[in-house]
Amino acid sequence: MTTMSQTLELRTRRLLLRSHVESDVPALVRLLGAREVAATTLRIPHPYTEEDARKFLSSVSEGSAPTRFAVFLEETGELCGGCGLSPDANHSHAELGYWIGVPFWGNGYCTEAVAEVLRYAFEDLGLHRIFAHCFVVNAGSRRVMEKLGMKYEGRLRQHIIKWDEYHDLDNFGMLADEWRATRL
């Protein structure tokens, strides 16, 4: 198992996923500062400040195995997004979360990054189930989960408040056996 002092890099055809580091702060503030990104995410505030980025970095450095990744374009080295898991070892499952900066939308980077994090979750971490939520209005996020074979599991009506407004969330999940079946 990877420890917090070890670094982990995951690679796809076009992306590098690695643990967040201090030098990511300016790009995090710039990309997560876009209202469009914050508007359809559960935990990203707007405006997003340097203090928010530093708190995030502090929170993701805890734990025994890396589960939160900065997503970079392999070709240019630019930070384009983030993807990660919030595991619960007692139940062998994890919540999946992800975001992509507005300048990088529409290129399939999110699907590619999430596919690799799912592989990591099921193969390397040995998790049994991955689940995720998306705002009902976030069609892009829904498409990512559907493309990767996650199953729609229902809607939580007016489940969260974002910017003083209640929002419905759609829930998706995937079991390890389902993920393995997509690999055949």
N, C-alpha and C. Protein backbone atom coordinates (compact mmCIF):
# COMPACT_ATOMS: atom_id res chain seq x y z
N MET A 1 0.84 -1.18 0.00
CA MET A 1 0.00 0.00 0.00
C MET A 1 0.89 1.24 0.00
N THR A 2 0.45 2.26 -0.73
CA THR A 2 1.17 3.52 -0.79
C THR A 2 0.95 4.31 0.49
N THR A 3 2.00 4.91 1.02
CA THR A 3 1.83 5.74 2.20
C THR A 3 1.88 7.20 1.81
N MET A 4 1.50 8.06 2.77
CA MET A 4 1.39 9.46 2.47
C MET A 4 2.74 10.07 2.09
N SER A 5 3.84 9.49 2.53
CA SER A 5 5.14 10.03 2.16
C SER A 5 5.54 9.61 0.74
N GLN A 6 4.88 8.62 0.19
CA GLN A 6 5.16 8.20 -1.17
C GLN A 6 4.27 8.99 -2.13
N THR A 7 4.78 9.19 -3.33
CA THR A 7 3.96 9.84 -4.34
C THR A 7 3.47 8.77 -5.30
N LEU A 8 2.36 9.06 -5.90
CA LEU A 8 1.76 8.13 -6.83
C LEU A 8 1.41 8.88 -8.10
N GLU A 9 1.76 8.30 -9.22
CA GLU A 9 1.38 8.85 -10.51
C GLU A 9 0.59 7.80 -11.26
N LEU A 10 -0.52 8.22 -11.81
CA LEU A 10 -1.32 7.39 -12.70
C LEU A 10 -1.26 8.03 -14.07
N ARG A 11 -1.18 7.21 -15.10
CA ARG A 11 -1.08 7.76 -16.46
C ARG A 11 -2.13 7.13 -17.37
N THR A 12 -2.62 7.96 -18.27
CA THR A 12 -3.50 7.50 -19.33
C THR A 12 -2.84 7.89 -20.64
N ARG A 13 -3.55 7.70 -21.71
CA ARG A 13 -2.99 8.05 -23.02
C ARG A 13 -2.60 9.53 -23.10
N ARG A 14 -3.44 10.41 -22.52
CA ARG A 14 -3.19 11.86 -22.64
C ARG A 14 -2.97 12.58 -21.32
N LEU A 15 -3.10 11.88 -20.21
CA LEU A 15 -3.12 12.56 -18.91
C LEU A 15 -2.14 11.96 -17.91
N LEU A 16 -1.72 12.81 -17.00
CA LEU A 16 -0.96 12.41 -15.82
C LEU A 16 -1.80 12.80 -14.62
N LEU A 17 -2.04 11.86 -13.74
CA LEU A 17 -2.74 12.11 -12.48
C LEU A 17 -1.73 11.90 -11.37
N ARG A 18 -1.60 12.89 -10.50
CA ARG A 18 -0.65 12.77 -9.40
C ARG A 18 -1.20 13.49 -8.17
N SER A 19 -0.61 13.21 -7.04
CA SER A 19 -1.00 13.87 -5.81
C SER A 19 -0.78 15.38 -5.96
N HIS A 20 -1.62 16.14 -5.28
CA HIS A 20 -1.50 17.60 -5.30
C HIS A 20 -0.27 18.05 -4.53
N VAL A 21 0.36 19.13 -5.00
CA VAL A 21 1.50 19.73 -4.31
C VAL A 21 1.30 21.25 -4.24
N GLU A 22 2.10 21.87 -3.41
CA GLU A 22 2.01 23.31 -3.16
C GLU A 22 2.04 24.14 -4.45
N SER A 23 2.84 23.74 -5.41
CA SER A 23 2.97 24.53 -6.64
C SER A 23 1.69 24.49 -7.50
N ASP A 24 0.72 23.66 -7.14
CA ASP A 24 -0.56 23.61 -7.86
C ASP A 24 -1.49 24.75 -7.48
N VAL A 25 -1.19 25.44 -6.37
CA VAL A 25 -2.13 26.44 -5.83
C VAL A 25 -2.55 27.49 -6.87
N PRO A 26 -1.64 28.17 -7.58
CA PRO A 26 -2.09 29.20 -8.52
C PRO A 26 -3.04 28.67 -9.60
N ALA A 27 -2.74 27.50 -10.14
CA ALA A 27 -3.62 26.92 -11.17
C ALA A 27 -4.95 26.49 -10.58
N LEU A 28 -4.94 25.95 -9.36
CA LEU A 28 -6.20 25.59 -8.70
C LEU A 28 -7.08 26.82 -8.52
N VAL A 29 -6.51 27.91 -8.04
CA VAL A 29 -7.28 29.13 -7.83
C VAL A 29 -7.84 29.63 -9.15
N ARG A 30 -7.03 29.63 -10.19
CA ARG A 30 -7.48 30.11 -11.51
C ARG A 30 -8.61 29.25 -12.07
N LEU A 31 -8.43 27.93 -12.06
CA LEU A 31 -9.42 27.04 -12.67
C LEU A 31 -10.67 26.88 -11.81
N LEU A 32 -10.48 26.70 -10.51
CA LEU A 32 -11.63 26.53 -9.63
C LEU A 32 -12.33 27.85 -9.33
N GLY A 33 -11.68 28.95 -9.68
CA GLY A 33 -12.29 30.26 -9.51
C GLY A 33 -13.38 30.56 -10.52
N ALA A 34 -13.50 29.73 -11.54
CA ALA A 34 -14.55 29.93 -12.55
C ALA A 34 -15.91 29.58 -11.95
N ARG A 35 -16.83 30.50 -12.04
CA ARG A 35 -18.17 30.28 -11.50
C ARG A 35 -18.81 29.03 -12.11
N GLU A 36 -18.55 28.76 -13.39
CA GLU A 36 -19.14 27.61 -14.06
C GLU A 36 -18.73 26.29 -13.42
N VAL A 37 -17.52 26.22 -12.90
CA VAL A 37 -17.05 24.99 -12.23
C VAL A 37 -17.72 24.86 -10.87
N ALA A 38 -17.71 25.94 -10.10
CA ALA A 38 -18.29 25.90 -8.76
C ALA A 38 -19.80 25.68 -8.79
N ALA A 39 -20.47 26.17 -9.82
CA ALA A 39 -21.94 26.14 -9.87
C ALA A 39 -22.53 24.74 -9.81
N THR A 40 -21.83 23.75 -10.33
CA THR A 40 -22.40 22.40 -10.38
C THR A 40 -21.54 21.38 -9.64
N THR A 41 -20.83 21.86 -8.62
CA THR A 41 -20.07 20.95 -7.78
C THR A 41 -20.56 21.08 -6.35
N LEU A 42 -20.45 20.03 -5.60
CA LEU A 42 -20.98 20.02 -4.24
C LEU A 42 -20.14 20.82 -3.26
N ARG A 43 -18.83 20.79 -3.41
CA ARG A 43 -17.97 21.30 -2.35
C ARG A 43 -17.03 22.43 -2.75
N ILE A 44 -17.12 22.93 -3.95
CA ILE A 44 -16.23 24.01 -4.38
C ILE A 44 -16.93 25.35 -4.18
N PRO A 45 -16.34 26.21 -3.34
CA PRO A 45 -16.95 27.52 -3.10
C PRO A 45 -16.65 28.49 -4.24
N HIS A 46 -17.41 29.57 -4.26
CA HIS A 46 -17.12 30.66 -5.21
C HIS A 46 -17.31 31.96 -4.47
N PRO A 47 -16.38 32.87 -4.53
CA PRO A 47 -15.10 32.72 -5.24
C PRO A 47 -14.18 31.72 -4.54
N TYR A 48 -13.29 31.15 -5.31
CA TYR A 48 -12.32 30.19 -4.79
C TYR A 48 -11.01 30.94 -4.58
N THR A 49 -10.51 30.91 -3.36
CA THR A 49 -9.35 31.71 -3.00
C THR A 49 -8.10 30.86 -2.79
N GLU A 50 -6.99 31.55 -2.64
CA GLU A 50 -5.74 30.86 -2.31
C GLU A 50 -5.88 30.13 -0.97
N GLU A 51 -6.57 30.73 -0.04
CA GLU A 51 -6.80 30.09 1.26
C GLU A 51 -7.60 28.79 1.09
N ASP A 52 -8.61 28.81 0.21
CA ASP A 52 -9.38 27.59 -0.08
C ASP A 52 -8.46 26.50 -0.63
N ALA A 53 -7.58 26.88 -1.57
CA ALA A 53 -6.67 25.91 -2.17
C ALA A 53 -5.73 25.32 -1.12
N ARG A 54 -5.23 26.15 -0.24
CA ARG A 54 -4.30 25.66 0.80
C ARG A 54 -5.02 24.74 1.79
N LYS A 55 -6.26 25.08 2.15
CA LYS A 55 -7.04 24.19 3.02
C LYS A 55 -7.27 22.84 2.33
N PHE A 56 -7.58 22.89 1.04
CA PHE A 56 -7.78 21.66 0.29
C PHE A 56 -6.50 20.82 0.30
N LEU A 57 -5.35 21.44 0.00
CA LEU A 57 -4.08 20.71 0.00
C LEU A 57 -3.80 20.09 1.36
N SER A 58 -4.10 20.80 2.40
CA SER A 58 -3.89 20.28 3.75
C SER A 58 -4.78 19.06 4.01
N SER A 59 -6.01 19.13 3.54
CA SER A 59 -6.96 18.03 3.78
C SER A 59 -6.61 16.77 2.99
N VAL A 60 -6.04 16.93 1.80
CA VAL A 60 -5.75 15.75 0.98
C VAL A 60 -4.41 15.11 1.30
N SER A 61 -3.62 15.74 2.14
CA SER A 61 -2.33 15.14 2.50
C SER A 61 -2.49 14.11 3.60
N GLU A 62 -3.69 14.00 4.17
CA GLU A 62 -3.94 13.02 5.23
C GLU A 62 -4.33 11.69 4.62
N GLY A 63 -4.08 10.60 5.32
CA GLY A 63 -4.49 9.29 4.85
C GLY A 63 -3.31 8.44 4.44
N SER A 64 -3.57 7.15 4.26
CA SER A 64 -2.48 6.21 4.00
C SER A 64 -2.23 6.00 2.51
N ALA A 65 -3.26 6.11 1.68
CA ALA A 65 -3.07 5.91 0.24
C ALA A 65 -3.58 7.15 -0.48
N PRO A 66 -2.86 7.60 -1.49
CA PRO A 66 -3.35 8.76 -2.25
C PRO A 66 -4.71 8.47 -2.87
N THR A 67 -5.64 9.38 -2.68
CA THR A 67 -6.97 9.19 -3.26
C THR A 67 -7.48 10.44 -3.97
N ARG A 68 -6.73 11.53 -3.94
CA ARG A 68 -7.11 12.76 -4.64
C ARG A 68 -5.99 13.11 -5.59
N PHE A 69 -6.35 13.37 -6.82
CA PHE A 69 -5.34 13.58 -7.86
C PHE A 69 -5.56 14.87 -8.63
N ALA A 70 -4.47 15.57 -8.88
CA ALA A 70 -4.46 16.66 -9.83
C ALA A 70 -4.34 16.02 -11.21
N VAL A 71 -5.06 16.55 -12.17
CA VAL A 71 -5.06 15.98 -13.53
C VAL A 71 -4.34 16.96 -14.47
N PHE A 72 -3.32 16.46 -15.13
CA PHE A 72 -2.50 17.27 -16.02
C PHE A 72 -2.53 16.73 -17.44
N LEU A 73 -2.43 17.62 -18.40
CA LEU A 73 -2.26 17.20 -19.79
C LEU A 73 -0.83 16.69 -19.93
N GLU A 74 -0.68 15.49 -20.40
CA GLU A 74 0.64 14.87 -20.54
C GLU A 74 1.53 15.70 -21.47
N GLU A 75 0.95 16.17 -22.55
CA GLU A 75 1.72 16.86 -23.58
C GLU A 75 2.27 18.22 -23.13
N THR A 76 1.46 18.99 -22.40
CA THR A 76 1.86 20.35 -22.04
C THR A 76 2.21 20.52 -20.56
N GLY A 77 1.80 19.58 -19.72
CA GLY A 77 2.03 19.72 -18.29
C GLY A 77 1.06 20.65 -17.59
N GLU A 78 0.03 21.13 -18.30
CA GLU A 78 -0.95 22.04 -17.70
C GLU A 78 -1.91 21.29 -16.79
N LEU A 79 -2.20 21.89 -15.63
CA LEU A 79 -3.26 21.37 -14.77
C LEU A 79 -4.58 21.63 -15.47
N CYS A 80 -5.40 20.59 -15.62
CA CYS A 80 -6.70 20.77 -16.29
C CYS A 80 -7.86 20.37 -15.40
N GLY A 81 -7.60 19.71 -14.27
CA GLY A 81 -8.71 19.31 -13.42
C GLY A 81 -8.27 18.52 -12.21
N GLY A 82 -9.25 17.89 -11.59
CA GLY A 82 -8.99 17.07 -10.42
C GLY A 82 -9.97 15.92 -10.35
N CYS A 83 -9.55 14.87 -9.72
CA CYS A 83 -10.38 13.67 -9.61
C CYS A 83 -9.96 12.93 -8.36
N GLY A 84 -10.93 12.38 -7.64
CA GLY A 84 -10.53 11.68 -6.44
C GLY A 84 -11.62 10.86 -5.80
N LEU A 85 -11.23 10.20 -4.75
CA LEU A 85 -12.09 9.30 -4.01
C LEU A 85 -12.10 9.71 -2.54
N SER A 86 -13.24 9.51 -1.91
CA SER A 86 -13.36 9.63 -0.45
C SER A 86 -13.73 8.24 0.06
N PRO A 87 -12.71 7.43 0.38
CA PRO A 87 -12.98 6.03 0.74
C PRO A 87 -13.49 5.86 2.17
N ASP A 88 -14.25 4.81 2.34
CA ASP A 88 -14.72 4.36 3.66
C ASP A 88 -14.31 2.89 3.76
N ALA A 89 -13.20 2.64 4.44
CA ALA A 89 -12.64 1.29 4.53
C ALA A 89 -13.60 0.33 5.23
N ASN A 90 -14.41 0.82 6.15
CA ASN A 90 -15.34 -0.05 6.86
C ASN A 90 -16.36 -0.69 5.93
N HIS A 91 -16.64 -0.04 4.83
CA HIS A 91 -17.65 -0.55 3.91
C HIS A 91 -17.08 -0.88 2.53
N SER A 92 -15.77 -0.74 2.38
CA SER A 92 -15.09 -1.03 1.12
C SER A 92 -15.72 -0.28 -0.06
N HIS A 93 -16.06 0.98 0.18
CA HIS A 93 -16.59 1.80 -0.90
C HIS A 93 -15.98 3.20 -0.83
N ALA A 94 -16.21 3.97 -1.89
CA ALA A 94 -15.71 5.34 -1.93
C ALA A 94 -16.64 6.20 -2.76
N GLU A 95 -16.74 7.46 -2.34
CA GLU A 95 -17.43 8.45 -3.16
C GLU A 95 -16.42 9.02 -4.15
N LEU A 96 -16.85 9.16 -5.38
CA LEU A 96 -16.04 9.69 -6.47
C LEU A 96 -16.41 11.14 -6.70
N GLY A 97 -15.41 11.98 -6.91
CA GLY A 97 -15.64 13.36 -7.28
C GLY A 97 -14.65 13.79 -8.35
N TYR A 98 -15.03 14.77 -9.16
CA TYR A 98 -14.15 15.24 -10.22
C TYR A 98 -14.60 16.60 -10.72
N TRP A 99 -13.67 17.28 -11.36
CA TRP A 99 -13.94 18.56 -12.01
C TRP A 99 -12.91 18.76 -13.11
N ILE A 100 -13.29 19.54 -14.10
CA ILE A 100 -12.38 19.93 -15.18
C ILE A 100 -12.53 21.43 -15.37
N GLY A 101 -11.41 22.12 -15.56
CA GLY A 101 -11.43 23.57 -15.79
C GLY A 101 -12.11 23.90 -17.11
N VAL A 102 -12.82 25.02 -17.12
CA VAL A 102 -13.61 25.43 -18.30
C VAL A 102 -12.80 25.41 -19.60
N PRO A 103 -11.55 25.90 -19.63
CA PRO A 103 -10.82 25.88 -20.92
C PRO A 103 -10.60 24.47 -21.49
N PHE A 104 -10.83 23.45 -20.67
CA PHE A 104 -10.54 22.07 -21.08
C PHE A 104 -11.80 21.24 -21.30
N TRP A 105 -12.96 21.85 -21.17
CA TRP A 105 -14.22 21.14 -21.37
C TRP A 105 -14.34 20.64 -22.80
N GLY A 106 -15.04 19.53 -22.96
CA GLY A 106 -15.38 19.02 -24.28
C GLY A 106 -14.29 18.22 -24.97
N ASN A 107 -13.25 17.84 -24.25
CA ASN A 107 -12.15 17.08 -24.85
C ASN A 107 -12.06 15.64 -24.37
N GLY A 108 -12.99 15.23 -23.50
CA GLY A 108 -12.97 13.86 -22.99
C GLY A 108 -11.98 13.64 -21.86
N TYR A 109 -11.35 14.70 -21.35
CA TYR A 109 -10.36 14.54 -20.29
C TYR A 109 -10.98 14.00 -19.01
N CYS A 110 -12.17 14.45 -18.70
CA CYS A 110 -12.82 14.00 -17.47
C CYS A 110 -13.10 12.50 -17.53
N THR A 111 -13.66 12.04 -18.61
CA THR A 111 -13.96 10.62 -18.77
C THR A 111 -12.68 9.79 -18.67
N GLU A 112 -11.61 10.27 -19.30
CA GLU A 112 -10.33 9.56 -19.28
C GLU A 112 -9.75 9.50 -17.87
N ALA A 113 -9.81 10.61 -17.14
CA ALA A 113 -9.28 10.65 -15.78
C ALA A 113 -10.11 9.77 -14.85
N VAL A 114 -11.42 9.87 -14.94
CA VAL A 114 -12.29 9.08 -14.06
C VAL A 114 -12.12 7.59 -14.34
N ALA A 115 -11.97 7.21 -15.60
CA ALA A 115 -11.76 5.80 -15.93
C ALA A 115 -10.51 5.26 -15.22
N GLU A 116 -9.45 6.06 -15.20
CA GLU A 116 -8.22 5.61 -14.53
C GLU A 116 -8.40 5.57 -13.02
N VAL A 117 -9.12 6.49 -12.45
CA VAL A 117 -9.36 6.48 -11.00
C VAL A 117 -10.24 5.29 -10.63
N LEU A 118 -11.20 4.94 -11.47
CA LEU A 118 -12.00 3.73 -11.22
C LEU A 118 -11.11 2.49 -11.25
N ARG A 119 -10.22 2.42 -12.23
CA ARG A 119 -9.29 1.29 -12.30
C ARG A 119 -8.46 1.21 -11.02
N TYR A 120 -7.92 2.32 -10.60
CA TYR A 120 -7.13 2.39 -9.38
C TYR A 120 -7.95 1.95 -8.17
N ALA A 121 -9.18 2.42 -8.09
CA ALA A 121 -10.05 2.08 -6.95
C ALA A 121 -10.32 0.59 -6.86
N PHE A 122 -10.65 -0.01 -8.00
CA PHE A 122 -11.02 -1.43 -7.98
C PHE A 122 -9.80 -2.35 -7.99
N GLU A 123 -8.79 -2.04 -8.80
CA GLU A 123 -7.63 -2.93 -8.90
C GLU A 123 -6.62 -2.72 -7.76
N ASP A 124 -6.22 -1.49 -7.55
CA ASP A 124 -5.13 -1.22 -6.60
C ASP A 124 -5.62 -1.11 -5.16
N LEU A 125 -6.75 -0.44 -4.95
CA LEU A 125 -7.27 -0.27 -3.59
C LEU A 125 -8.19 -1.42 -3.18
N GLY A 126 -8.65 -2.22 -4.15
CA GLY A 126 -9.50 -3.36 -3.84
C GLY A 126 -10.88 -2.99 -3.31
N LEU A 127 -11.40 -1.84 -3.71
CA LEU A 127 -12.73 -1.42 -3.24
C LEU A 127 -13.82 -2.24 -3.91
N HIS A 128 -14.95 -2.33 -3.25
CA HIS A 128 -16.09 -3.10 -3.74
C HIS A 128 -17.09 -2.24 -4.51
N ARG A 129 -17.22 -0.97 -4.14
CA ARG A 129 -18.24 -0.11 -4.74
C ARG A 129 -17.74 1.33 -4.81
N ILE A 130 -18.08 2.00 -5.91
CA ILE A 130 -17.82 3.43 -6.10
C ILE A 130 -19.16 4.08 -6.38
N PHE A 131 -19.40 5.23 -5.76
CA PHE A 131 -20.64 5.96 -6.02
C PHE A 131 -20.33 7.43 -6.21
N ALA A 132 -21.23 8.12 -6.88
CA ALA A 132 -21.06 9.55 -7.15
C ALA A 132 -22.43 10.20 -7.30
N HIS A 133 -22.43 11.50 -7.09
CA HIS A 133 -23.65 12.29 -7.23
C HIS A 133 -23.36 13.40 -8.25
N CYS A 134 -24.39 13.86 -8.93
CA CYS A 134 -24.25 15.05 -9.76
C CYS A 134 -25.53 15.87 -9.69
N PHE A 135 -25.38 17.17 -9.84
CA PHE A 135 -26.56 18.01 -9.95
C PHE A 135 -27.37 17.54 -11.14
N VAL A 136 -28.68 17.52 -11.02
CA VAL A 136 -29.54 17.08 -12.12
C VAL A 136 -29.26 17.89 -13.39
N VAL A 137 -28.94 19.16 -13.23
CA VAL A 137 -28.69 20.02 -14.40
C VAL A 137 -27.31 19.82 -15.01
N ASN A 138 -26.45 19.02 -14.40
CA ASN A 138 -25.09 18.84 -14.89
C ASN A 138 -25.02 17.65 -15.87
N ALA A 139 -25.47 17.90 -17.08
CA ALA A 139 -25.53 16.84 -18.09
C ALA A 139 -24.14 16.27 -18.41
N GLY A 140 -23.12 17.10 -18.38
CA GLY A 140 -21.77 16.63 -18.68
C GLY A 140 -21.29 15.60 -17.67
N SER A 141 -21.54 15.86 -16.40
CA SER A 141 -21.13 14.92 -15.36
C SER A 141 -21.90 13.61 -15.48
N ARG A 142 -23.17 13.73 -15.75
CA ARG A 142 -24.01 12.54 -15.93
C ARG A 142 -23.47 11.68 -17.09
N ARG A 143 -23.11 12.33 -18.19
CA ARG A 143 -22.58 11.59 -19.36
C ARG A 143 -21.28 10.86 -19.02
N VAL A 144 -20.42 11.50 -18.22
CA VAL A 144 -19.17 10.84 -17.82
C VAL A 144 -19.48 9.53 -17.11
N MET A 145 -20.37 9.58 -16.15
CA MET A 145 -20.68 8.37 -15.38
C MET A 145 -21.35 7.31 -16.24
N GLU A 146 -22.26 7.72 -17.10
CA GLU A 146 -22.94 6.75 -17.96
C GLU A 146 -21.96 6.11 -18.94
N LYS A 147 -21.06 6.91 -19.54
CA LYS A 147 -20.08 6.37 -20.49
C LYS A 147 -19.20 5.30 -19.85
N LEU A 148 -18.91 5.49 -18.55
CA LEU A 148 -18.03 4.56 -17.86
C LEU A 148 -18.75 3.37 -17.26
N GLY A 149 -20.05 3.30 -17.47
CA GLY A 149 -20.82 2.13 -17.03
C GLY A 149 -21.39 2.23 -15.63
N MET A 150 -21.33 3.41 -15.02
CA MET A 150 -21.95 3.56 -13.71
C MET A 150 -23.47 3.54 -13.88
N LYS A 151 -24.15 2.94 -12.93
CA LYS A 151 -25.60 2.75 -13.01
C LYS A 151 -26.34 3.87 -12.26
N TYR A 152 -27.39 4.37 -12.88
CA TYR A 152 -28.25 5.35 -12.22
C TYR A 152 -28.98 4.67 -11.08
N GLU A 153 -28.91 5.25 -9.89
CA GLU A 153 -29.50 4.62 -8.71
C GLU A 153 -30.60 5.46 -8.06
N GLY A 154 -30.92 6.59 -8.65
CA GLY A 154 -32.02 7.37 -8.12
C GLY A 154 -31.69 8.83 -7.91
N ARG A 155 -32.69 9.55 -7.48
CA ARG A 155 -32.59 11.00 -7.29
C ARG A 155 -32.87 11.37 -5.84
N LEU A 156 -32.03 12.23 -5.30
CA LEU A 156 -32.25 12.83 -3.99
C LEU A 156 -32.84 14.21 -4.23
N ARG A 157 -34.12 14.36 -3.92
CA ARG A 157 -34.81 15.61 -4.21
C ARG A 157 -34.42 16.70 -3.19
N GLN A 158 -34.08 17.86 -3.73
CA GLN A 158 -33.69 19.02 -2.94
C GLN A 158 -32.77 18.64 -1.79
N HIS A 159 -31.75 17.88 -2.13
CA HIS A 159 -30.86 17.28 -1.15
C HIS A 159 -29.80 18.24 -0.60
N ILE A 160 -29.37 19.19 -1.42
CA ILE A 160 -28.34 20.12 -0.96
C ILE A 160 -28.75 21.55 -1.25
N ILE A 161 -28.10 22.46 -0.53
CA ILE A 161 -28.27 23.88 -0.80
C ILE A 161 -26.96 24.41 -1.35
N LYS A 162 -27.03 25.04 -2.49
CA LYS A 162 -25.87 25.70 -3.09
C LYS A 162 -26.31 27.11 -3.44
N TRP A 163 -25.64 28.08 -2.89
CA TRP A 163 -25.94 29.48 -3.14
C TRP A 163 -27.40 29.81 -2.85
N ASP A 164 -27.84 29.35 -1.68
CA ASP A 164 -29.19 29.63 -1.16
C ASP A 164 -30.32 29.03 -1.99
N GLU A 165 -30.02 27.99 -2.74
CA GLU A 165 -31.05 27.33 -3.55
C GLU A 165 -30.91 25.82 -3.36
N TYR A 166 -32.05 25.15 -3.21
CA TYR A 166 -32.04 23.69 -3.10
C TYR A 166 -31.83 23.06 -4.48
N HIS A 167 -31.09 21.95 -4.49
CA HIS A 167 -30.79 21.24 -5.74
C HIS A 167 -31.04 19.75 -5.58
N ASP A 168 -31.56 19.15 -6.64
CA ASP A 168 -31.71 17.71 -6.72
C ASP A 168 -30.37 17.11 -7.16
N LEU A 169 -30.07 15.92 -6.64
CA LEU A 169 -28.87 15.20 -7.04
C LEU A 169 -29.26 13.85 -7.63
N ASP A 170 -28.62 13.49 -8.74
CA ASP A 170 -28.76 12.14 -9.28
C ASP A 170 -27.60 11.31 -8.77
N ASN A 171 -27.90 10.06 -8.43
CA ASN A 171 -26.91 9.16 -7.83
C ASN A 171 -26.57 8.04 -8.81
N PHE A 172 -25.28 7.73 -8.86
CA PHE A 172 -24.78 6.67 -9.72
C PHE A 172 -23.86 5.79 -8.90
N GLY A 173 -23.75 4.52 -9.27
CA GLY A 173 -22.86 3.61 -8.57
C GLY A 173 -22.32 2.54 -9.49
N MET A 174 -21.24 1.93 -9.05
CA MET A 174 -20.63 0.82 -9.79
C MET A 174 -20.01 -0.14 -8.78
N LEU A 175 -20.25 -1.43 -9.01
CA LEU A 175 -19.65 -2.48 -8.19
C LEU A 175 -18.40 -3.01 -8.89
N ALA A 176 -17.51 -3.58 -8.13
CA ALA A 176 -16.26 -4.11 -8.70
C ALA A 176 -16.54 -5.13 -9.80
N ASP A 177 -17.52 -6.00 -9.60
CA ASP A 177 -17.85 -7.00 -10.63
C ASP A 177 -18.33 -6.34 -11.91
N GLU A 178 -19.11 -5.26 -11.78
CA GLU A 178 -19.58 -4.54 -12.97
C GLU A 178 -18.40 -3.90 -13.70
N TRP A 179 -17.46 -3.34 -12.94
CA TRP A 179 -16.30 -2.73 -13.56
C TRP A 179 -15.47 -3.78 -14.29
N ARG A 180 -15.27 -4.93 -13.64
CA ARG A 180 -14.50 -6.00 -14.30
C ARG A 180 -15.18 -6.46 -15.58
N ALA A 181 -16.51 -6.51 -15.59
CA ALA A 181 -17.25 -6.93 -16.79
C ALA A 181 -17.04 -5.96 -17.95
N THR A 182 -16.83 -4.67 -17.65
CA THR A 182 -16.60 -3.69 -18.72
C THR A 182 -15.19 -3.82 -19.29
N ARG A 183 -14.30 -4.47 -18.59
CA ARG A 183 -12.91 -4.62 -19.01
C ARG A 183 -12.71 -5.79 -19.96
N LEU A 184 -13.69 -6.67 -20.08
CA LEU A 184 -13.56 -7.87 -20.93
C LEU A 184 -13.61 -7.55 -22.39
